[in-house]
N, C-alpha and C. Protein backbone atom coordinates (compact mmCIF):
# COMPACT_ATOMS: atom_id res chain seq x y z
N MET A 1 -16.98 1.52 15.16
CA MET A 1 -16.20 2.72 14.90
C MET A 1 -15.72 2.72 13.45
N TRP A 2 -15.27 3.86 13.00
CA TRP A 2 -14.87 4.05 11.61
C TRP A 2 -13.66 3.23 11.21
N GLN A 3 -12.75 2.95 12.14
CA GLN A 3 -11.51 2.29 11.76
C GLN A 3 -11.70 0.83 11.39
N PHE A 4 -12.85 0.26 11.70
CA PHE A 4 -13.05 -1.15 11.45
C PHE A 4 -13.83 -1.42 10.16
N ARG A 5 -14.09 -0.41 9.38
CA ARG A 5 -14.85 -0.59 8.16
C ARG A 5 -13.91 -0.71 6.96
N PRO A 6 -14.11 -1.73 6.13
CA PRO A 6 -13.23 -1.91 4.96
C PRO A 6 -13.23 -0.72 4.01
N PHE A 7 -14.31 0.03 3.91
CA PHE A 7 -14.32 1.22 3.05
C PHE A 7 -13.26 2.22 3.53
N THR A 8 -13.11 2.33 4.83
CA THR A 8 -12.10 3.23 5.40
C THR A 8 -10.70 2.73 5.05
N TRP A 9 -10.52 1.40 5.05
CA TRP A 9 -9.22 0.85 4.66
C TRP A 9 -8.88 1.26 3.24
N VAL A 10 -9.85 1.15 2.34
CA VAL A 10 -9.61 1.51 0.93
C VAL A 10 -9.20 2.97 0.83
N LEU A 11 -9.88 3.84 1.57
CA LEU A 11 -9.51 5.26 1.55
C LEU A 11 -8.10 5.47 2.09
N LEU A 12 -7.75 4.77 3.16
CA LEU A 12 -6.39 4.88 3.70
C LEU A 12 -5.35 4.39 2.70
N TYR A 13 -5.66 3.31 2.01
CA TYR A 13 -4.72 2.80 1.01
C TYR A 13 -4.59 3.74 -0.18
N VAL A 14 -5.69 4.32 -0.63
CA VAL A 14 -5.60 5.30 -1.72
C VAL A 14 -4.74 6.48 -1.28
N PHE A 15 -4.99 6.97 -0.07
CA PHE A 15 -4.19 8.05 0.50
C PHE A 15 -2.71 7.64 0.56
N GLY A 16 -2.43 6.42 1.02
CA GLY A 16 -1.06 5.94 1.10
C GLY A 16 -0.38 5.82 -0.26
N ILE A 17 -1.12 5.30 -1.24
CA ILE A 17 -0.55 5.16 -2.58
C ILE A 17 -0.27 6.53 -3.18
N LEU A 18 -1.15 7.48 -2.95
CA LEU A 18 -0.92 8.84 -3.46
C LEU A 18 0.31 9.48 -2.81
N ILE A 19 0.46 9.31 -1.51
CA ILE A 19 1.66 9.82 -0.84
C ILE A 19 2.91 9.15 -1.40
N GLN A 20 2.82 7.83 -1.58
CA GLN A 20 3.97 7.06 -2.04
C GLN A 20 4.38 7.39 -3.47
N THR A 21 3.42 7.73 -4.31
CA THR A 21 3.75 7.97 -5.72
C THR A 21 3.87 9.45 -6.08
N ALA A 22 3.25 10.33 -5.32
CA ALA A 22 3.28 11.75 -5.68
C ALA A 22 4.20 12.58 -4.78
N LEU A 23 4.20 12.33 -3.49
CA LEU A 23 4.95 13.16 -2.56
C LEU A 23 6.36 12.62 -2.27
N LEU A 24 6.43 11.35 -1.92
CA LEU A 24 7.73 10.81 -1.49
C LEU A 24 8.81 10.77 -2.56
N PRO A 25 8.48 10.60 -3.86
CA PRO A 25 9.55 10.68 -4.86
C PRO A 25 10.20 12.06 -4.95
N GLN A 26 9.51 13.09 -4.44
CA GLN A 26 10.09 14.42 -4.41
C GLN A 26 11.10 14.58 -3.27
N ILE A 27 11.01 13.69 -2.27
CA ILE A 27 11.85 13.77 -1.08
C ILE A 27 12.98 12.76 -1.12
N PHE A 28 12.67 11.53 -1.52
CA PHE A 28 13.64 10.44 -1.51
C PHE A 28 14.20 10.21 -2.90
N PRO A 29 15.46 9.78 -3.00
CA PRO A 29 16.02 9.48 -4.32
C PRO A 29 15.35 8.25 -4.95
N ILE A 30 15.50 8.10 -6.25
CA ILE A 30 14.92 6.98 -6.98
C ILE A 30 15.45 5.67 -6.40
N GLY A 31 14.54 4.75 -6.15
CA GLY A 31 14.90 3.47 -5.57
C GLY A 31 14.83 3.44 -4.05
N TYR A 32 14.70 4.58 -3.42
CA TYR A 32 14.64 4.65 -1.97
C TYR A 32 13.27 5.10 -1.45
N VAL A 33 12.29 5.20 -2.32
CA VAL A 33 10.96 5.65 -1.91
C VAL A 33 10.34 4.57 -1.02
N PRO A 34 9.97 4.93 0.22
CA PRO A 34 9.42 3.94 1.15
C PRO A 34 8.03 3.44 0.74
N ASN A 35 7.67 2.30 1.29
CA ASN A 35 6.40 1.66 1.01
C ASN A 35 5.37 2.08 2.06
N VAL A 36 4.55 3.04 1.74
CA VAL A 36 3.54 3.55 2.67
C VAL A 36 2.42 2.53 2.86
N VAL A 37 2.11 1.75 1.83
CA VAL A 37 1.05 0.76 1.93
C VAL A 37 1.39 -0.28 3.00
N LEU A 38 2.65 -0.63 3.11
CA LEU A 38 3.06 -1.57 4.15
C LEU A 38 2.80 -0.97 5.54
N SER A 39 3.11 0.29 5.72
CA SER A 39 2.87 0.95 7.01
C SER A 39 1.39 1.00 7.34
N VAL A 40 0.55 1.27 6.35
CA VAL A 40 -0.89 1.31 6.59
C VAL A 40 -1.40 -0.09 6.93
N THR A 41 -0.88 -1.11 6.27
CA THR A 41 -1.27 -2.49 6.57
C THR A 41 -0.92 -2.85 8.00
N VAL A 42 0.28 -2.51 8.43
CA VAL A 42 0.69 -2.78 9.81
C VAL A 42 -0.21 -2.04 10.78
N LEU A 43 -0.51 -0.81 10.50
CA LEU A 43 -1.35 0.00 11.39
C LEU A 43 -2.75 -0.60 11.52
N ILE A 44 -3.35 -0.99 10.42
CA ILE A 44 -4.69 -1.58 10.47
C ILE A 44 -4.64 -2.92 11.20
N ALA A 45 -3.67 -3.77 10.88
CA ALA A 45 -3.59 -5.10 11.48
C ALA A 45 -3.31 -5.04 12.99
N LEU A 46 -2.62 -4.01 13.44
CA LEU A 46 -2.36 -3.87 14.88
C LEU A 46 -3.64 -3.64 15.67
N PHE A 47 -4.67 -3.16 15.03
CA PHE A 47 -5.90 -2.84 15.74
C PHE A 47 -7.07 -3.69 15.28
N GLU A 48 -6.79 -4.80 14.63
CA GLU A 48 -7.83 -5.69 14.12
C GLU A 48 -7.53 -7.14 14.48
N THR A 49 -8.44 -8.03 14.13
CA THR A 49 -8.25 -9.46 14.31
C THR A 49 -7.32 -9.98 13.20
N PRO A 50 -6.76 -11.17 13.36
CA PRO A 50 -5.88 -11.70 12.29
C PRO A 50 -6.58 -11.83 10.93
N GLY A 51 -7.82 -12.27 10.92
CA GLY A 51 -8.54 -12.42 9.64
C GLY A 51 -8.77 -11.09 8.96
N ARG A 52 -9.17 -10.08 9.74
CA ARG A 52 -9.39 -8.76 9.17
C ARG A 52 -8.07 -8.11 8.78
N GLY A 53 -7.00 -8.39 9.52
CA GLY A 53 -5.67 -7.90 9.14
C GLY A 53 -5.23 -8.49 7.82
N MET A 54 -5.53 -9.78 7.64
CA MET A 54 -5.18 -10.44 6.38
C MET A 54 -5.99 -9.85 5.23
N ALA A 55 -7.28 -9.60 5.46
CA ALA A 55 -8.12 -9.00 4.42
C ALA A 55 -7.63 -7.60 4.07
N ALA A 56 -7.29 -6.83 5.09
CA ALA A 56 -6.78 -5.47 4.84
C ALA A 56 -5.47 -5.52 4.06
N GLY A 57 -4.58 -6.44 4.44
CA GLY A 57 -3.31 -6.59 3.72
C GLY A 57 -3.52 -6.99 2.27
N PHE A 58 -4.47 -7.89 2.03
CA PHE A 58 -4.75 -8.31 0.66
C PHE A 58 -5.30 -7.14 -0.16
N ILE A 59 -6.22 -6.38 0.43
CA ILE A 59 -6.80 -5.22 -0.28
C ILE A 59 -5.70 -4.21 -0.62
N GLY A 60 -4.89 -3.86 0.36
CA GLY A 60 -3.83 -2.88 0.13
C GLY A 60 -2.78 -3.37 -0.85
N GLY A 61 -2.38 -4.63 -0.72
CA GLY A 61 -1.39 -5.19 -1.62
C GLY A 61 -1.90 -5.27 -3.06
N MET A 62 -3.17 -5.66 -3.21
CA MET A 62 -3.73 -5.75 -4.56
C MET A 62 -3.86 -4.36 -5.17
N MET A 63 -4.26 -3.38 -4.36
CA MET A 63 -4.35 -2.01 -4.88
C MET A 63 -2.97 -1.52 -5.34
N GLN A 64 -1.93 -1.81 -4.56
CA GLN A 64 -0.59 -1.39 -4.94
C GLN A 64 -0.11 -2.13 -6.18
N ASP A 65 -0.42 -3.42 -6.29
CA ASP A 65 -0.03 -4.19 -7.47
C ASP A 65 -0.70 -3.64 -8.73
N VAL A 66 -1.99 -3.34 -8.63
CA VAL A 66 -2.71 -2.81 -9.78
C VAL A 66 -2.19 -1.43 -10.14
N TRP A 67 -1.96 -0.60 -9.14
CA TRP A 67 -1.46 0.77 -9.37
C TRP A 67 -0.08 0.74 -10.02
N ALA A 68 0.80 -0.12 -9.51
CA ALA A 68 2.17 -0.15 -10.01
C ALA A 68 2.28 -0.89 -11.34
N GLY A 69 1.35 -1.78 -11.61
CA GLY A 69 1.37 -2.52 -12.87
C GLY A 69 2.49 -3.52 -12.96
N ARG A 70 2.93 -4.00 -11.80
CA ARG A 70 3.99 -5.00 -11.82
C ARG A 70 3.41 -6.36 -11.50
N MET A 71 4.22 -7.28 -11.09
CA MET A 71 3.82 -8.66 -10.85
C MET A 71 2.56 -8.71 -9.96
N LEU A 72 1.43 -8.94 -10.59
CA LEU A 72 0.14 -8.93 -9.90
C LEU A 72 0.07 -10.05 -8.86
N GLY A 73 -0.17 -9.67 -7.64
CA GLY A 73 -0.30 -10.64 -6.56
C GLY A 73 0.88 -10.70 -5.62
N LEU A 74 2.02 -10.12 -6.00
CA LEU A 74 3.21 -10.17 -5.13
C LEU A 74 2.95 -9.42 -3.83
N ASP A 75 2.56 -8.17 -3.92
CA ASP A 75 2.26 -7.41 -2.71
C ASP A 75 1.00 -7.91 -2.03
N ALA A 76 0.02 -8.36 -2.81
CA ALA A 76 -1.23 -8.86 -2.21
C ALA A 76 -0.94 -10.07 -1.32
N LEU A 77 -0.16 -11.01 -1.80
CA LEU A 77 0.19 -12.18 -0.99
C LEU A 77 1.03 -11.78 0.21
N THR A 78 2.05 -10.99 -0.03
CA THR A 78 2.96 -10.60 1.03
C THR A 78 2.26 -9.81 2.12
N PHE A 79 1.46 -8.85 1.74
CA PHE A 79 0.78 -8.01 2.73
C PHE A 79 -0.36 -8.75 3.43
N ALA A 80 -1.00 -9.70 2.73
CA ALA A 80 -2.03 -10.52 3.40
C ALA A 80 -1.39 -11.36 4.50
N LEU A 81 -0.26 -11.99 4.20
CA LEU A 81 0.44 -12.77 5.23
C LEU A 81 0.93 -11.87 6.36
N LEU A 82 1.43 -10.70 6.00
CA LEU A 82 1.89 -9.74 7.01
C LEU A 82 0.72 -9.28 7.88
N GLY A 83 -0.41 -8.97 7.27
CA GLY A 83 -1.59 -8.54 8.03
C GLY A 83 -2.06 -9.61 9.00
N TRP A 84 -2.05 -10.87 8.55
CA TRP A 84 -2.45 -11.95 9.44
C TRP A 84 -1.46 -12.08 10.61
N ALA A 85 -0.17 -12.06 10.29
CA ALA A 85 0.85 -12.22 11.34
C ALA A 85 0.80 -11.09 12.36
N VAL A 86 0.68 -9.86 11.90
CA VAL A 86 0.61 -8.73 12.82
C VAL A 86 -0.68 -8.78 13.62
N GLY A 87 -1.80 -9.14 12.97
CA GLY A 87 -3.06 -9.27 13.68
C GLY A 87 -3.01 -10.35 14.75
N TYR A 88 -2.30 -11.43 14.47
CA TYR A 88 -2.13 -12.50 15.45
C TYR A 88 -1.22 -12.06 16.60
N LEU A 89 -0.11 -11.42 16.26
CA LEU A 89 0.85 -11.01 17.28
C LEU A 89 0.34 -9.86 18.15
N GLN A 90 -0.59 -9.05 17.63
CA GLN A 90 -1.06 -7.92 18.41
C GLN A 90 -1.80 -8.36 19.66
N THR A 91 -2.31 -9.59 19.70
CA THR A 91 -2.95 -10.09 20.92
C THR A 91 -1.93 -10.51 21.96
N LYS A 92 -0.69 -10.68 21.55
CA LYS A 92 0.36 -11.18 22.43
C LYS A 92 1.31 -10.10 22.93
N ILE A 93 1.22 -8.88 22.38
CA ILE A 93 2.18 -7.84 22.74
C ILE A 93 1.50 -6.73 23.53
N ALA A 94 2.31 -5.95 24.18
CA ALA A 94 1.81 -4.84 25.00
C ALA A 94 1.26 -3.73 24.11
N ARG A 95 0.40 -2.94 24.67
CA ARG A 95 -0.18 -1.81 23.94
C ARG A 95 0.59 -0.54 24.24
N ASP A 96 1.02 0.10 23.18
CA ASP A 96 1.70 1.38 23.29
C ASP A 96 1.42 2.12 21.99
N PRO A 97 1.00 3.37 22.05
CA PRO A 97 0.61 4.05 20.81
C PRO A 97 1.76 4.48 19.92
N VAL A 98 2.99 4.50 20.43
CA VAL A 98 4.11 4.98 19.63
C VAL A 98 5.14 3.89 19.38
N PHE A 99 5.67 3.31 20.42
CA PHE A 99 6.78 2.38 20.30
C PHE A 99 6.41 1.10 19.56
N VAL A 100 5.29 0.49 19.93
CA VAL A 100 4.90 -0.79 19.34
C VAL A 100 4.60 -0.67 17.84
N PRO A 101 3.77 0.29 17.39
CA PRO A 101 3.56 0.38 15.94
C PRO A 101 4.84 0.67 15.15
N GLY A 102 5.71 1.51 15.71
CA GLY A 102 6.97 1.81 15.03
C GLY A 102 7.87 0.60 14.95
N LEU A 103 7.99 -0.13 16.04
CA LEU A 103 8.83 -1.33 16.06
C LEU A 103 8.29 -2.41 15.13
N VAL A 104 6.99 -2.65 15.19
CA VAL A 104 6.39 -3.68 14.33
C VAL A 104 6.52 -3.30 12.86
N ALA A 105 6.34 -2.03 12.53
CA ALA A 105 6.48 -1.59 11.13
C ALA A 105 7.92 -1.74 10.65
N GLY A 106 8.88 -1.39 11.49
CA GLY A 106 10.29 -1.55 11.11
C GLY A 106 10.66 -3.01 10.93
N LEU A 107 10.20 -3.86 11.84
CA LEU A 107 10.48 -5.30 11.72
C LEU A 107 9.76 -5.90 10.51
N SER A 108 8.60 -5.36 10.18
CA SER A 108 7.88 -5.85 9.00
C SER A 108 8.67 -5.61 7.73
N GLN A 109 9.33 -4.48 7.65
CA GLN A 109 10.20 -4.20 6.49
C GLN A 109 11.30 -5.26 6.40
N VAL A 110 11.87 -5.60 7.55
CA VAL A 110 12.97 -6.58 7.58
C VAL A 110 12.48 -7.95 7.12
N VAL A 111 11.23 -8.28 7.37
CA VAL A 111 10.68 -9.58 6.97
C VAL A 111 10.17 -9.56 5.54
N VAL A 112 9.49 -8.49 5.15
CA VAL A 112 8.82 -8.44 3.84
C VAL A 112 9.82 -8.36 2.68
N VAL A 113 10.84 -7.55 2.82
CA VAL A 113 11.78 -7.36 1.70
C VAL A 113 12.49 -8.67 1.32
N PRO A 114 13.07 -9.42 2.26
CA PRO A 114 13.67 -10.70 1.85
C PRO A 114 12.65 -11.71 1.32
N PHE A 115 11.44 -11.71 1.90
CA PHE A 115 10.40 -12.63 1.43
C PHE A 115 10.03 -12.31 -0.02
N GLN A 116 9.89 -11.03 -0.34
CA GLN A 116 9.57 -10.67 -1.72
C GLN A 116 10.73 -10.99 -2.66
N TRP A 117 11.97 -10.84 -2.20
CA TRP A 117 13.12 -11.18 -3.03
C TRP A 117 13.10 -12.67 -3.35
N ILE A 118 12.76 -13.49 -2.36
CA ILE A 118 12.68 -14.94 -2.58
C ILE A 118 11.57 -15.26 -3.57
N LEU A 119 10.39 -14.65 -3.39
CA LEU A 119 9.28 -14.90 -4.32
C LEU A 119 9.63 -14.48 -5.75
N LEU A 120 10.31 -13.34 -5.88
CA LEU A 120 10.71 -12.90 -7.22
C LEU A 120 11.72 -13.86 -7.85
N ASN A 121 12.65 -14.38 -7.06
CA ASN A 121 13.61 -15.35 -7.60
C ASN A 121 12.93 -16.65 -7.99
N VAL A 122 11.96 -17.09 -7.20
CA VAL A 122 11.21 -18.30 -7.55
C VAL A 122 10.43 -18.08 -8.84
N ALA A 123 9.91 -16.87 -9.04
CA ALA A 123 9.14 -16.55 -10.24
C ALA A 123 10.03 -16.32 -11.47
N GLY A 124 11.34 -16.32 -11.29
CA GLY A 124 12.24 -16.18 -12.43
C GLY A 124 12.86 -14.81 -12.60
N TYR A 125 12.60 -13.90 -11.70
CA TYR A 125 13.22 -12.57 -11.75
C TYR A 125 14.44 -12.59 -10.83
N HIS A 126 15.61 -12.71 -11.40
CA HIS A 126 16.83 -12.82 -10.61
C HIS A 126 17.45 -11.45 -10.40
N LEU A 127 17.16 -10.88 -9.24
CA LEU A 127 17.68 -9.56 -8.89
C LEU A 127 18.82 -9.74 -7.89
N PRO A 128 19.86 -8.93 -8.01
CA PRO A 128 20.97 -9.03 -7.06
C PRO A 128 20.50 -8.67 -5.65
N TRP A 129 20.91 -9.48 -4.68
CA TRP A 129 20.49 -9.29 -3.29
C TRP A 129 20.88 -7.92 -2.76
N LEU A 130 22.10 -7.50 -2.99
CA LEU A 130 22.59 -6.23 -2.44
C LEU A 130 21.81 -5.04 -3.02
N THR A 131 21.51 -5.09 -4.29
CA THR A 131 20.73 -4.02 -4.91
C THR A 131 19.32 -3.97 -4.34
N PHE A 132 18.77 -5.13 -4.05
CA PHE A 132 17.40 -5.23 -3.55
C PHE A 132 17.27 -4.71 -2.12
N VAL A 133 18.28 -4.96 -1.27
CA VAL A 133 18.18 -4.57 0.14
C VAL A 133 18.93 -3.29 0.47
N LYS A 134 19.57 -2.69 -0.48
CA LYS A 134 20.34 -1.47 -0.21
C LYS A 134 19.51 -0.36 0.43
N PRO A 135 18.26 -0.10 -0.02
CA PRO A 135 17.48 0.97 0.61
C PRO A 135 16.76 0.55 1.90
N LEU A 136 16.96 -0.68 2.36
CA LEU A 136 16.24 -1.20 3.52
C LEU A 136 16.39 -0.34 4.78
N PRO A 137 17.58 0.17 5.14
CA PRO A 137 17.66 1.02 6.34
C PRO A 137 16.79 2.27 6.25
N VAL A 138 16.71 2.88 5.07
CA VAL A 138 15.86 4.06 4.90
C VAL A 138 14.40 3.68 5.08
N TRP A 139 13.99 2.54 4.52
CA TRP A 139 12.61 2.09 4.63
C TRP A 139 12.26 1.76 6.07
N ILE A 140 13.18 1.15 6.79
CA ILE A 140 12.93 0.80 8.20
C ILE A 140 12.71 2.06 9.02
N LEU A 141 13.61 3.02 8.88
CA LEU A 141 13.48 4.26 9.64
C LEU A 141 12.20 5.01 9.29
N PHE A 142 11.87 5.08 8.01
CA PHE A 142 10.64 5.75 7.61
C PHE A 142 9.43 5.07 8.25
N SER A 143 9.36 3.75 8.17
CA SER A 143 8.23 3.02 8.75
C SER A 143 8.13 3.22 10.24
N MET A 144 9.28 3.27 10.91
CA MET A 144 9.29 3.41 12.37
C MET A 144 8.74 4.76 12.81
N PHE A 145 8.87 5.77 12.00
CA PHE A 145 8.35 7.09 12.36
C PHE A 145 6.97 7.36 11.75
N PHE A 146 6.76 6.91 10.52
CA PHE A 146 5.51 7.21 9.82
C PHE A 146 4.31 6.47 10.40
N THR A 147 4.47 5.19 10.73
CA THR A 147 3.35 4.37 11.19
C THR A 147 2.74 4.90 12.49
N PRO A 148 3.53 5.13 13.55
CA PRO A 148 2.89 5.68 14.76
C PRO A 148 2.36 7.09 14.55
N GLY A 149 3.01 7.88 13.70
CA GLY A 149 2.51 9.22 13.42
C GLY A 149 1.15 9.18 12.74
N LEU A 150 1.00 8.32 11.75
CA LEU A 150 -0.27 8.19 11.06
C LEU A 150 -1.34 7.67 12.02
N GLY A 151 -0.98 6.69 12.84
CA GLY A 151 -1.94 6.16 13.82
C GLY A 151 -2.39 7.21 14.81
N GLY A 152 -1.48 8.07 15.23
CA GLY A 152 -1.83 9.14 16.15
C GLY A 152 -2.72 10.19 15.50
N VAL A 153 -2.40 10.55 14.26
CA VAL A 153 -3.20 11.55 13.55
C VAL A 153 -4.63 11.03 13.32
N LEU A 154 -4.73 9.75 12.95
CA LEU A 154 -6.04 9.18 12.66
C LEU A 154 -6.79 8.73 13.92
N GLY A 155 -6.12 8.71 15.05
CA GLY A 155 -6.78 8.34 16.31
C GLY A 155 -7.12 6.88 16.42
N PHE A 156 -6.27 6.00 15.92
CA PHE A 156 -6.51 4.56 16.02
C PHE A 156 -6.49 4.13 17.48
N ARG A 157 -7.46 3.34 17.87
CA ARG A 157 -7.55 2.79 19.22
C ARG A 157 -7.78 1.28 19.11
N SER A 158 -7.36 0.55 20.13
CA SER A 158 -7.53 -0.90 20.10
C SER A 158 -9.00 -1.26 20.21
N ARG A 159 -9.34 -2.44 19.74
CA ARG A 159 -10.71 -2.91 19.78
C ARG A 159 -11.18 -3.05 21.22
N ARG A 160 -10.30 -3.50 22.10
CA ARG A 160 -10.65 -3.64 23.52
C ARG A 160 -10.99 -2.29 24.13
N GLU A 161 -10.21 -1.28 23.79
CA GLU A 161 -10.46 0.06 24.32
C GLU A 161 -11.80 0.61 23.82
N LEU A 162 -12.09 0.40 22.55
CA LEU A 162 -13.35 0.88 22.00
C LEU A 162 -14.53 0.10 22.57
N ASP A 163 -14.39 -1.23 22.74
CA ASP A 163 -15.46 -2.02 23.34
C ASP A 163 -15.69 -1.61 24.79
N GLY A 164 -14.62 -1.29 25.51
CA GLY A 164 -14.74 -0.83 26.90
C GLY A 164 -15.49 0.49 26.97
N ARG A 165 -15.25 1.38 26.04
CA ARG A 165 -15.97 2.67 26.02
C ARG A 165 -17.45 2.47 25.74
N ARG A 166 -17.77 1.52 24.82
CA ARG A 166 -19.18 1.27 24.51
C ARG A 166 -19.91 0.69 25.71
N SER A 167 -19.26 -0.22 26.46
CA SER A 167 -19.92 -0.83 27.60
C SER A 167 -20.12 0.19 28.73
N LEU A 168 -19.20 1.14 28.86
CA LEU A 168 -19.35 2.18 29.89
C LEU A 168 -20.46 3.15 29.55
N SER A 169 -20.66 3.41 28.27
CA SER A 169 -21.68 4.37 27.86
C SER A 169 -23.08 3.78 27.89
N MET A 170 -23.18 2.46 27.92
CA MET A 170 -24.51 1.84 27.92
C MET A 170 -25.08 1.70 29.29
């Protein structure tokens, strides 16, 4: 199916980066613009294996790092680890098209933001904790609604469901 091809991931990430840089700054105040690439990474990893989730996270993170022109590799590392973790956990959790993607995306924000703050401090960028996490509630809520909405619009289905359809049609 189309959702399992890396070329499709690149298109989704380009679409996400364009939404994040062109549309969302018109809606959200400066500093509160949500991370759409993180939501796309969670969405892809929820319907893929851990290795493919990690690859998708690396691709999306690297694209965002190159686009933003900031610390190259920060988002790539973070999103690759996130993609692997979500891909691993998706085999252990129940399937639900709305609640699970929203919950996992919201929890991913809670994990990724402190992890990136730690990485930035280790790299020598000392940012105040409160300033760094102040927009976190807005990002969590956005991810909780955007991720399942995007998955529904794009028609993402689990690999098991797609494999079951192929075996029935043969």
